[in-house]
PDB file of N, CA and C in Angstrom:
ATOM      1  N   MET A   1      10.014  42.519 -56.301  1.00  0.00           N
ATOM      2  CA  MET A   1      10.375  41.190 -55.913  1.00  0.00           C
ATOM      3  C   MET A   1      10.986  41.086 -54.525  1.00  0.00           C
ATOM      4  N   GLY A   2      10.803  41.976 -53.677  1.00  0.00           N
ATOM      5  CA  GLY A   2      11.489  41.930 -52.413  1.00  0.00           C
ATOM      6  C   GLY A   2      10.595  41.577 -51.256  1.00  0.00           C
ATOM      7  N   GLY A   3       9.366  41.073 -51.431  1.00  0.00           N
ATOM      8  CA  GLY A   3       8.452  40.869 -50.327  1.00  0.00           C
ATOM      9  C   GLY A   3       8.413  39.473 -49.741  1.00  0.00           C
ATOM     10  N   GLY A   4       9.143  38.520 -50.234  1.00  0.00           N
ATOM     11  CA  GLY A   4       9.072  37.148 -49.754  1.00  0.00           C
ATOM     12  C   GLY A   4       9.955  36.900 -48.541  1.00  0.00           C
ATOM     13  N   THR A   5       9.862  35.676 -48.020  1.00  0.00           N
ATOM     14  CA  THR A   5      10.693  35.268 -46.902  1.00  0.00           C
ATOM     15  C   THR A   5      12.080  34.958 -47.431  1.00  0.00           C
ATOM     16  N   PRO A   6      13.102  35.511 -46.783  1.00  0.00           N
ATOM     17  CA  PRO A   6      14.454  35.244 -47.284  1.00  0.00           C
ATOM     18  C   PRO A   6      14.832  33.778 -47.073  1.00  0.00           C
ATOM     19  N   ILE A   7      15.523  33.224 -48.001  1.00  0.00           N
ATOM     20  CA  ILE A   7      15.979  31.835 -47.913  1.00  0.00           C
ATOM     21  C   ILE A   7      17.260  31.830 -47.090  1.00  0.00           C
ATOM     22  N   PRO A   8      17.283  31.007 -46.017  1.00  0.00           N
ATOM     23  CA  PRO A   8      18.487  30.986 -45.186  1.00  0.00           C
ATOM     24  C   PRO A   8      19.667  30.409 -45.955  1.00  0.00           C
ATOM     25  N   ASP A   9      20.835  30.954 -45.667  1.00  0.00           N
ATOM     26  CA  ASP A   9      22.024  30.434 -46.343  1.00  0.00           C
ATOM     27  C   ASP A   9      22.436  29.098 -45.712  1.00  0.00           C
ATOM     28  N   GLN A  10      23.417  28.459 -46.285  1.00  0.00           N
ATOM     29  CA  GLN A  10      23.842  27.111 -45.867  1.00  0.00           C
ATOM     30  C   GLN A  10      24.281  27.088 -44.410  1.00  0.00           C
ATOM     31  N   SER A  11      25.033  28.063 -43.956  1.00  0.00           N
ATOM     32  CA  SER A  11      25.532  28.044 -42.578  1.00  0.00           C
ATOM     33  C   SER A  11      24.377  28.215 -41.593  1.00  0.00           C
ATOM     34  N   GLU A  12      23.390  28.997 -41.955  1.00  0.00           N
ATOM     35  CA  GLU A  12      22.218  29.169 -41.083  1.00  0.00           C
ATOM     36  C   GLU A  12      21.413  27.871 -41.017  1.00  0.00           C
ATOM     37  N   ARG A  13      21.248  27.204 -42.144  1.00  0.00           N
ATOM     38  CA  ARG A  13      20.538  25.916 -42.148  1.00  0.00           C
ATOM     39  C   ARG A  13      21.311  24.873 -41.342  1.00  0.00           C
ATOM     40  N   THR A  14      22.624  24.888 -41.451  1.00  0.00           N
ATOM     41  CA  THR A  14      23.447  23.948 -40.696  1.00  0.00           C
ATOM     42  C   THR A  14      23.274  24.186 -39.206  1.00  0.00           C
ATOM     43  N   ARG A  15      23.266  25.462 -38.787  1.00  0.00           N
ATOM     44  CA  ARG A  15      23.059  25.783 -37.372  1.00  0.00           C
ATOM     45  C   ARG A  15      21.681  25.307 -36.920  1.00  0.00           C
ATOM     46  N   ASP A  16      20.667  25.506 -37.756  1.00  0.00           N
ATOM     47  CA  ASP A  16      19.315  25.059 -37.403  1.00  0.00           C
ATOM     48  C   ASP A  16      19.260  23.540 -37.239  1.00  0.00           C
ATOM     49  N   PHE A  17      19.901  22.823 -38.159  1.00  0.00           N
ATOM     50  CA  PHE A  17      19.922  21.364 -38.055  1.00  0.00           C
ATOM     51  C   PHE A  17      20.714  20.916 -36.834  1.00  0.00           C
ATOM     52  N   ASP A  18      21.816  21.613 -36.558  1.00  0.00           N
ATOM     53  CA  ASP A  18      22.610  21.277 -35.374  1.00  0.00           C
ATOM     54  C   ASP A  18      21.791  21.487 -34.104  1.00  0.00           C
ATOM     55  N   ARG A  19      21.058  22.584 -34.042  1.00  0.00           N
ATOM     56  CA  ARG A  19      20.204  22.847 -32.881  1.00  0.00           C
ATOM     57  C   ARG A  19      19.105  21.801 -32.775  1.00  0.00           C
ATOM     58  N   LEU A  20      18.510  21.445 -33.917  1.00  0.00           N
ATOM     59  CA  LEU A  20      17.470  20.420 -33.919  1.00  0.00           C
ATOM     60  C   LEU A  20      18.045  19.078 -33.463  1.00  0.00           C
ATOM     61  N   GLU A  21      19.217  18.737 -33.971  1.00  0.00           N
ATOM     62  CA  GLU A  21      19.850  17.477 -33.582  1.00  0.00           C
ATOM     63  C   GLU A  21      20.150  17.462 -32.082  1.00  0.00           C
ATOM     64  N   ALA A  22      20.670  18.563 -31.566  1.00  0.00           N
ATOM     65  CA  ALA A  22      20.979  18.646 -30.128  1.00  0.00           C
ATOM     66  C   ALA A  22      19.705  18.505 -29.305  1.00  0.00           C
ATOM     67  N   ALA A  23      18.625  19.121 -29.773  1.00  0.00           N
ATOM     68  CA  ALA A  23      17.356  19.030 -29.049  1.00  0.00           C
ATOM     69  C   ALA A  23      16.825  17.599 -29.068  1.00  0.00           C
ATOM     70  N   VAL A  24      16.930  16.921 -30.199  1.00  0.00           N
ATOM     71  CA  VAL A  24      16.460  15.539 -30.311  1.00  0.00           C
ATOM     72  C   VAL A  24      17.307  14.627 -29.434  1.00  0.00           C
ATOM     73  N   VAL A  25      18.623  14.809 -29.423  1.00  0.00           N
ATOM     74  CA  VAL A  25      19.503  14.001 -28.582  1.00  0.00           C
ATOM     75  C   VAL A  25      19.173  14.231 -27.113  1.00  0.00           C
ATOM     76  N   ALA A  26      18.982  15.485 -26.737  1.00  0.00           N
ATOM     77  CA  ALA A  26      18.637  15.791 -25.340  1.00  0.00           C
ATOM     78  C   ALA A  26      17.301  15.155 -24.968  1.00  0.00           C
ATOM     79  N   LEU A  27      16.342  15.224 -25.864  1.00  0.00           N
ATOM     80  CA  LEU A  27      15.035  14.630 -25.606  1.00  0.00           C
ATOM     81  C   LEU A  27      15.143  13.112 -25.485  1.00  0.00           C
ATOM     82  N   ALA A  28      15.939  12.488 -26.336  1.00  0.00           N
ATOM     83  CA  ALA A  28      16.131  11.033 -26.268  1.00  0.00           C
ATOM     84  C   ALA A  28      16.800  10.650 -24.947  1.00  0.00           C
ATOM     85  N   ASP A  29      17.803  11.414 -24.516  1.00  0.00           N
ATOM     86  CA  ASP A  29      18.458  11.140 -23.236  1.00  0.00           C
ATOM     87  C   ASP A  29      17.481  11.308 -22.075  1.00  0.00           C
ATOM     88  N   GLN A  30      16.695  12.354 -22.151  1.00  0.00           N
ATOM     89  CA  GLN A  30      15.697  12.599 -21.104  1.00  0.00           C
ATOM     90  C   GLN A  30      14.693  11.441 -21.055  1.00  0.00           C
ATOM     91  N   HIS A  31      14.305  10.942 -22.214  1.00  0.00           N
ATOM     92  CA  HIS A  31      13.367   9.822 -22.285  1.00  0.00           C
ATOM     93  C   HIS A  31      13.986   8.567 -21.661  1.00  0.00           C
ATOM     94  N   LYS A  32      15.259   8.305 -21.969  1.00  0.00           N
ATOM     95  CA  LYS A  32      15.939   7.139 -21.391  1.00  0.00           C
ATOM     96  C   LYS A  32      16.000   7.248 -19.877  1.00  0.00           C
ATOM     97  N   ARG A  33      16.328   8.438 -19.365  1.00  0.00           N
ATOM     98  CA  ARG A  33      16.375   8.637 -17.909  1.00  0.00           C
ATOM     99  C   ARG A  33      14.993   8.429 -17.295  1.00  0.00           C
ATOM    100  N   ALA A  34      13.963   8.925 -17.975  1.00  0.00           N
ATOM    101  CA  ALA A  34      12.598   8.762 -17.462  1.00  0.00           C
ATOM    102  C   ALA A  34      12.215   7.281 -17.420  1.00  0.00           C
ATOM    103  N   LEU A  35      12.609   6.520 -18.430  1.00  0.00           N
ATOM    104  CA  LEU A  35      12.321   5.079 -18.438  1.00  0.00           C
ATOM    105  C   LEU A  35      13.023   4.372 -17.282  1.00  0.00           C
ATOM    106  N   LYS A  36      14.286   4.734 -17.039  1.00  0.00           N
ATOM    107  CA  LYS A  36      15.033   4.121 -15.927  1.00  0.00           C
ATOM    108  C   LYS A  36      14.391   4.500 -14.592  1.00  0.00           C
ATOM    109  N   ASP A  37      14.039   5.770 -14.449  1.00  0.00           N
ATOM    110  CA  ASP A  37      13.379   6.218 -13.209  1.00  0.00           C
ATOM    111  C   ASP A  37      12.064   5.482 -13.007  1.00  0.00           C
ATOM    112  N   ASN A  38      11.319   5.328 -14.090  1.00  0.00           N
ATOM    113  CA  ASN A  38      10.034   4.642 -14.020  1.00  0.00           C
ATOM    114  C   ASN A  38      10.224   3.197 -13.564  1.00  0.00           C
ATOM    115  N   GLU A  39      11.211   2.522 -14.125  1.00  0.00           N
ATOM    116  CA  GLU A  39      11.474   1.132 -13.745  1.00  0.00           C
ATOM    117  C   GLU A  39      11.898   1.050 -12.280  1.00  0.00           C
ATOM    118  N   SER A  40      12.735   1.972 -11.873  1.00  0.00           N
ATOM    119  CA  SER A  40      13.172   1.998 -10.475  1.00  0.00           C
ATOM    120  C   SER A  40      11.981   2.210  -9.540  1.00  0.00           C
ATOM    121  N   LEU A  41      11.102   3.113  -9.901  1.00  0.00           N
ATOM    122  CA  LEU A  41       9.909   3.368  -9.083  1.00  0.00           C
ATOM    123  C   LEU A  41       8.980   2.160  -9.069  1.00  0.00           C
ATOM    124  N   ARG A  42       8.849   1.492 -10.197  1.00  0.00           N
ATOM    125  CA  ARG A  42       8.017   0.281 -10.242  1.00  0.00           C
ATOM    126  C   ARG A  42       8.563  -0.788  -9.294  1.00  0.00           C
ATOM    127  N   ARG A  43       9.882  -0.970  -9.305  1.00  0.00           N
ATOM    128  CA  ARG A  43      10.486  -1.954  -8.402  1.00  0.00           C
ATOM    129  C   ARG A  43      10.265  -1.563  -6.945  1.00  0.00           C
ATOM    130  N   ALA A  44      10.389  -0.287  -6.649  1.00  0.00           N
ATOM    131  CA  ALA A  44      10.173   0.183  -5.272  1.00  0.00           C
ATOM    132  C   ALA A  44       8.727  -0.055  -4.843  1.00  0.00           C
ATOM    133  N   VAL A  45       7.783   0.195  -5.734  1.00  0.00           N
ATOM    134  CA  VAL A  45       6.367  -0.026  -5.414  1.00  0.00           C
ATOM    135  C   VAL A  45       6.098  -1.517  -5.221  1.00  0.00           C
ATOM    136  N   GLU A  46       6.672  -2.353  -6.086  1.00  0.00           N
ATOM    137  CA  GLU A  46       6.492  -3.800  -5.928  1.00  0.00           C
ATOM    138  C   GLU A  46       7.048  -4.280  -4.594  1.00  0.00           C
ATOM    139  N   GLU A  47       8.224  -3.778  -4.215  1.00  0.00           N
ATOM    140  CA  GLU A  47       8.819  -4.163  -2.942  1.00  0.00           C
ATOM    141  C   GLU A  47       7.941  -3.684  -1.782  1.00  0.00           C
ATOM    142  N   ARG A  48       7.435  -2.483  -1.888  1.00  0.00           N
ATOM    143  CA  ARG A  48       6.560  -1.957  -0.837  1.00  0.00           C
ATOM    144  C   ARG A  48       5.282  -2.780  -0.750  1.00  0.00           C
ATOM    145  N   ASP A  49       4.737  -3.175  -1.902  1.00  0.00           N
ATOM    146  CA  ASP A  49       3.523  -4.013  -1.901  1.00  0.00           C
ATOM    147  C   ASP A  49       3.789  -5.364  -1.242  1.00  0.00           C
ATOM    148  N   ARG A  50       4.966  -5.958  -1.533  1.00  0.00           N
ATOM    149  CA  ARG A  50       5.317  -7.229  -0.880  1.00  0.00           C
ATOM    150  C   ARG A  50       5.420  -7.040   0.626  1.00  0.00           C
ATOM    151  N   ARG A  51       6.026  -5.952   1.032  1.00  0.00           N
ATOM    152  CA  ARG A  51       6.181  -5.676   2.465  1.00  0.00           C
ATOM    153  C   ARG A  51       4.817  -5.473   3.123  1.00  0.00           C
ATOM    154  N   ILE A  52       3.934  -4.777   2.443  1.00  0.00           N
ATOM    155  CA  ILE A  52       2.578  -4.558   2.976  1.00  0.00           C
ATOM    156  C   ILE A  52       1.854  -5.884   3.139  1.00  0.00           C
ATOM    157  N   ARG A  53       1.944  -6.753   2.113  1.00  0.00           N
ATOM    158  CA  ARG A  53       1.282  -8.056   2.211  1.00  0.00           C
ATOM    159  C   ARG A  53       1.844  -8.868   3.370  1.00  0.00           C
ATOM    160  N   ALA A  54       3.164  -8.822   3.548  1.00  0.00           N
ATOM    161  CA  ALA A  54       3.787  -9.564   4.654  1.00  0.00           C
ATOM    162  C   ALA A  54       3.313  -9.012   5.998  1.00  0.00           C
ATOM    163  N   LEU A  55       3.248  -7.705   6.115  1.00  0.00           N
ATOM    164  CA  LEU A  55       2.795  -7.100   7.371  1.00  0.00           C
ATOM    165  C   LEU A  55       1.317  -7.385   7.638  1.00  0.00           C
ATOM    166  N   GLU A  56       0.515  -7.400   6.578  1.00  0.00           N
ATOM    167  CA  GLU A  56      -0.904  -7.737   6.754  1.00  0.00           C
ATOM    168  C   GLU A  56      -1.055  -9.176   7.239  1.00  0.00           C
ATOM    169  N   ALA A  57      -0.281 -10.074   6.660  1.00  0.00           N
ATOM    170  CA  ALA A  57      -0.337 -11.481   7.086  1.00  0.00           C
ATOM    171  C   ALA A  57       0.116 -11.604   8.538  1.00  0.00           C
ATOM    172  N   GLU A  58       1.178 -10.896   8.889  1.00  0.00           N
ATOM    173  CA  GLU A  58       1.663 -10.930  10.268  1.00  0.00           C
ATOM    174  C   GLU A  58       0.613 -10.347  11.221  1.00  0.00           C
ATOM    175  N   THR A  59      -0.047  -9.296  10.810  1.00  0.00           N
ATOM    176  CA  THR A  59      -1.101  -8.692  11.633  1.00  0.00           C
ATOM    177  C   THR A  59      -2.240  -9.673  11.865  1.00  0.00           C
ATOM    178  N   LEU A  60      -2.652 -10.376  10.810  1.00  0.00           N
ATOM    179  CA  LEU A  60      -3.706 -11.381  10.965  1.00  0.00           C
ATOM    180  C   LEU A  60      -3.286 -12.468  11.945  1.00  0.00           C
ATOM    181  N   GLU A  61      -2.052 -12.934  11.803  1.00  0.00           N
ATOM    182  CA  GLU A  61      -1.552 -13.984  12.694  1.00  0.00           C
ATOM    183  C   GLU A  61      -1.519 -13.492  14.141  1.00  0.00           C
ATOM    184  N   LEU A  62      -1.008 -12.283  14.347  1.00  0.00           N
ATOM    185  CA  LEU A  62      -0.922 -11.750  15.705  1.00  0.00           C
ATOM    186  C   LEU A  62      -2.306 -11.503  16.307  1.00  0.00           C
ATOM    187  N   ASN A  63      -3.243 -11.063  15.488  1.00  0.00           N
ATOM    188  CA  ASN A  63      -4.613 -10.881  15.984  1.00  0.00           C
ATOM    189  C   ASN A  63      -5.224 -12.207  16.406  1.00  0.00           C
ATOM    190  N   GLN A  64      -4.964 -13.252  15.622  1.00  0.00           N
ATOM    191  CA  GLN A  64      -5.474 -14.576  15.980  1.00  0.00           C
ATOM    192  C   GLN A  64      -4.849 -15.054  17.288  1.00  0.00           C
ATOM    193  N   ARG A  65      -3.546 -14.831  17.425  1.00  0.00           N
ATOM    194  CA  ARG A  65      -2.877 -15.222  18.671  1.00  0.00           C
ATOM    195  C   ARG A  65      -3.441 -14.447  19.859  1.00  0.00           C
ATOM    196  N   ARG A  66      -3.712 -13.163  19.654  1.00  0.00           N
ATOM    197  CA  ARG A  66      -4.291 -12.346  20.719  1.00  0.00           C
ATOM    198  C   ARG A  66      -5.665 -12.883  21.123  1.00  0.00           C
ATOM    199  N   ARG A  67      -6.474 -13.247  20.129  1.00  0.00           N
ATOM    200  CA  ARG A  67      -7.789 -13.818  20.424  1.00  0.00           C
ATOM    201  C   ARG A  67      -7.648 -15.138  21.178  1.00  0.00           C
ATOM    202  N   ASP A  68      -6.696 -15.977  20.758  1.00  0.00           N
ATOM    203  CA  ASP A  68      -6.459 -17.255  21.439  1.00  0.00           C
ATOM    204  C   ASP A  68      -6.054 -17.031  22.893  1.00  0.00           C
ATOM    205  N   VAL A  69      -5.164 -16.082  23.122  1.00  0.00           N
ATOM    206  CA  VAL A  69      -4.716 -15.783  24.488  1.00  0.00           C
ATOM    207  C   VAL A  69      -5.879 -15.241  25.311  1.00  0.00           C
ATOM    208  N   ALA A  70      -6.679 -14.354  24.729  1.00  0.00           N
ATOM    209  CA  ALA A  70      -7.832 -13.801  25.452  1.00  0.00           C
ATOM    210  C   ALA A  70      -8.804 -14.922  25.840  1.00  0.00           C
ATOM    211  N   LYS A  71      -9.005 -15.886  24.939  1.00  0.00           N
ATOM    212  CA  LYS A  71      -9.903 -17.008  25.239  1.00  0.00           C
ATOM    213  C   LYS A  71      -9.323 -17.856  26.373  1.00  0.00           C
ATOM    214  N   ARG A  72      -8.026 -18.113  26.319  1.00  0.00           N
ATOM    215  CA  ARG A  72      -7.401 -18.905  27.386  1.00  0.00           C
ATOM    216  C   ARG A  72      -7.522 -18.196  28.732  1.00  0.00           C
ATOM    217  N   ILE A  73      -7.335 -16.885  28.727  1.00  0.00           N
ATOM    218  CA  ILE A  73      -7.466 -16.118  29.971  1.00  0.00           C
ATOM    219  C   ILE A  73      -8.898 -16.189  30.479  1.00  0.00           C
ATOM    220  N   ASP A  74      -9.856 -16.031  29.564  1.00  0.00           N
ATOM    221  CA  ASP A  74     -11.269 -16.145  29.962  1.00  0.00           C
ATOM    222  C   ASP A  74     -11.558 -17.523  30.553  1.00  0.00           C
ATOM    223  N   ASP A  75     -11.029 -18.567  29.929  1.00  0.00           N
ATOM    224  CA  ASP A  75     -11.224 -19.932  30.441  1.00  0.00           C
ATOM    225  C   ASP A  75     -10.611 -20.090  31.841  1.00  0.00           C
ATOM    226  N   LEU A  76      -9.413 -19.550  32.028  1.00  0.00           N
ATOM    227  CA  LEU A  76      -8.760 -19.628  33.331  1.00  0.00           C
ATOM    228  C   LEU A  76      -9.553 -18.864  34.393  1.00  0.00           C
ATOM    229  N   LEU A  77     -10.067 -17.701  34.023  1.00  0.00           N
ATOM    230  CA  LEU A  77     -10.887 -16.930  34.969  1.00  0.00           C
ATOM    231  C   LEU A  77     -12.166 -17.684  35.322  1.00  0.00           C
ATOM    232  N   ALA A  78     -12.749 -18.329  34.331  1.00  0.00           N
ATOM    233  CA  ALA A  78     -13.959 -19.121  34.588  1.00  0.00           C
ATOM    234  C   ALA A  78     -13.640 -20.280  35.534  1.00  0.00           C
ATOM    235  N   GLN A  79     -12.496 -20.933  35.329  1.00  0.00           N
ATOM    236  CA  GLN A  79     -12.095 -22.016  36.224  1.00  0.00           C
ATOM    237  C   GLN A  79     -11.866 -21.497  37.650  1.00  0.00           C
ATOM    238  N   MET A  80     -11.252 -20.308  37.737  1.00  0.00           N
ATOM    239  CA  MET A  80     -11.030 -19.734  39.066  1.00  0.00           C
ATOM    240  C   MET A  80     -12.364 -19.400  39.751  1.00  0.00           C
ATOM    241  N   ASP A  81     -13.303 -18.857  38.972  1.00  0.00           N
ATOM    242  CA  ASP A  81     -14.626 -18.571  39.521  1.00  0.00           C
ATOM    243  C   ASP A  81     -15.297 -19.854  39.997  1.00  0.00           C
ATOM    244  N   GLN A  82     -15.173 -20.899  39.197  1.00  0.00           N
ATOM    245  CA  GLN A  82     -15.764 -22.186  39.562  1.00  0.00           C
ATOM    246  C   GLN A  82     -15.130 -22.721  40.848  1.00  0.00           C
ATOM    247  N   LEU A  83     -13.816 -22.595  40.974  1.00  0.00           N
ATOM    248  CA  LEU A  83     -13.138 -23.025  42.191  1.00  0.00           C
ATOM    249  C   LEU A  83     -13.605 -22.216  43.406  1.00  0.00           C
ATOM    250  N   ASP A  84     -13.791 -20.911  43.210  1.00  0.00           N
ATOM    251  CA  ASP A  84     -14.311 -20.079  44.301  1.00  0.00           C
ATOM    252  C   ASP A  84     -15.670 -20.558  44.740  1.00  0.00           C
ATOM    253  N   VAL A  85     -16.517 -20.884  43.786  1.00  0.00           N
ATOM    254  CA  VAL A  85     -17.850 -21.365  44.105  1.00  0.00           C
ATOM    255  C   VAL A  85     -17.759 -22.686  44.861  1.00  0.00           C
ATOM    256  N   GLU A  86     -16.946 -23.602  44.330  1.00  0.00           N
ATOM    257  CA  GLU A  86     -16.809 -24.912  44.967  1.00  0.00           C
ATOM    258  C   GLU A  86     -16.197 -24.800  46.365  1.00  0.00           C
ATOM    259  N   LEU A  87     -15.196 -23.970  46.508  1.00  0.00           N
ATOM    260  CA  LEU A  87     -14.568 -23.814  47.807  1.00  0.00           C
ATOM    261  C   LEU A  87     -15.494 -23.080  48.775  1.00  0.00           C
ATOM    262  N   GLY A  88     -16.278 -22.179  48.254  1.00  0.00           N
ATOM    263  CA  GLY A  88     -17.238 -21.459  49.098  1.00  0.00           C
ATOM    264  C   GLY A  88     -18.341 -22.371  49.593  1.00  0.00           C
ATOM    265  N   SER A  89     -18.803 -23.243  48.713  1.00  0.00           N
ATOM    266  CA  SER A  89     -19.865 -24.148  49.112  1.00  0.00           C
ATOM    267  C   SER A  89     -19.335 -25.286  49.993  1.00  0.00           C
ATOM    268  N   ALA A  90     -18.077 -25.642  49.838  1.00  0.00           N
ATOM    269  CA  ALA A  90     -17.483 -26.689  50.642  1.00  0.00           C
ATOM    270  C   ALA A  90     -17.223 -26.200  52.072  1.00  0.00           C
ATOM    271  N   GLY A  91     -17.015 -24.903  52.225  1.00  0.00           N
ATOM    272  CA  GLY A  91     -16.732 -24.357  53.532  1.00  0.00           C
ATOM    273  C   GLY A  91     -17.976 -24.096  54.343  1.00  0.00           C
ATOM    274  N   GLU A  92     -19.121 -24.206  53.771  1.00  0.00           N
ATOM    275  CA  GLU A  92     -20.363 -23.933  54.494  1.00  0.00           C
ATOM    276  C   GLU A  92     -20.864 -25.100  55.256  1.00  0.00           C
TER     277      GLU A  92
END
């Protein structure tokens, strides 16, 4: 009758349950920290996305302004060319 697995005594079972309880508590704490970290990261990503959208909108606006300025400069150069032509023909 000596070939079976020995049955742990009460103090050994208590230690096993204590270790299991400590592991479960540690895992639950780790899970709570992971949830908080996840939420913090989500907020950071949302803020970064808002900032990206704002910068994209600003870039579009600035590009449009640049195009407007380039057109005005082209118009002014064309007027200057026209004046050169008119003044050149008037002097002949």
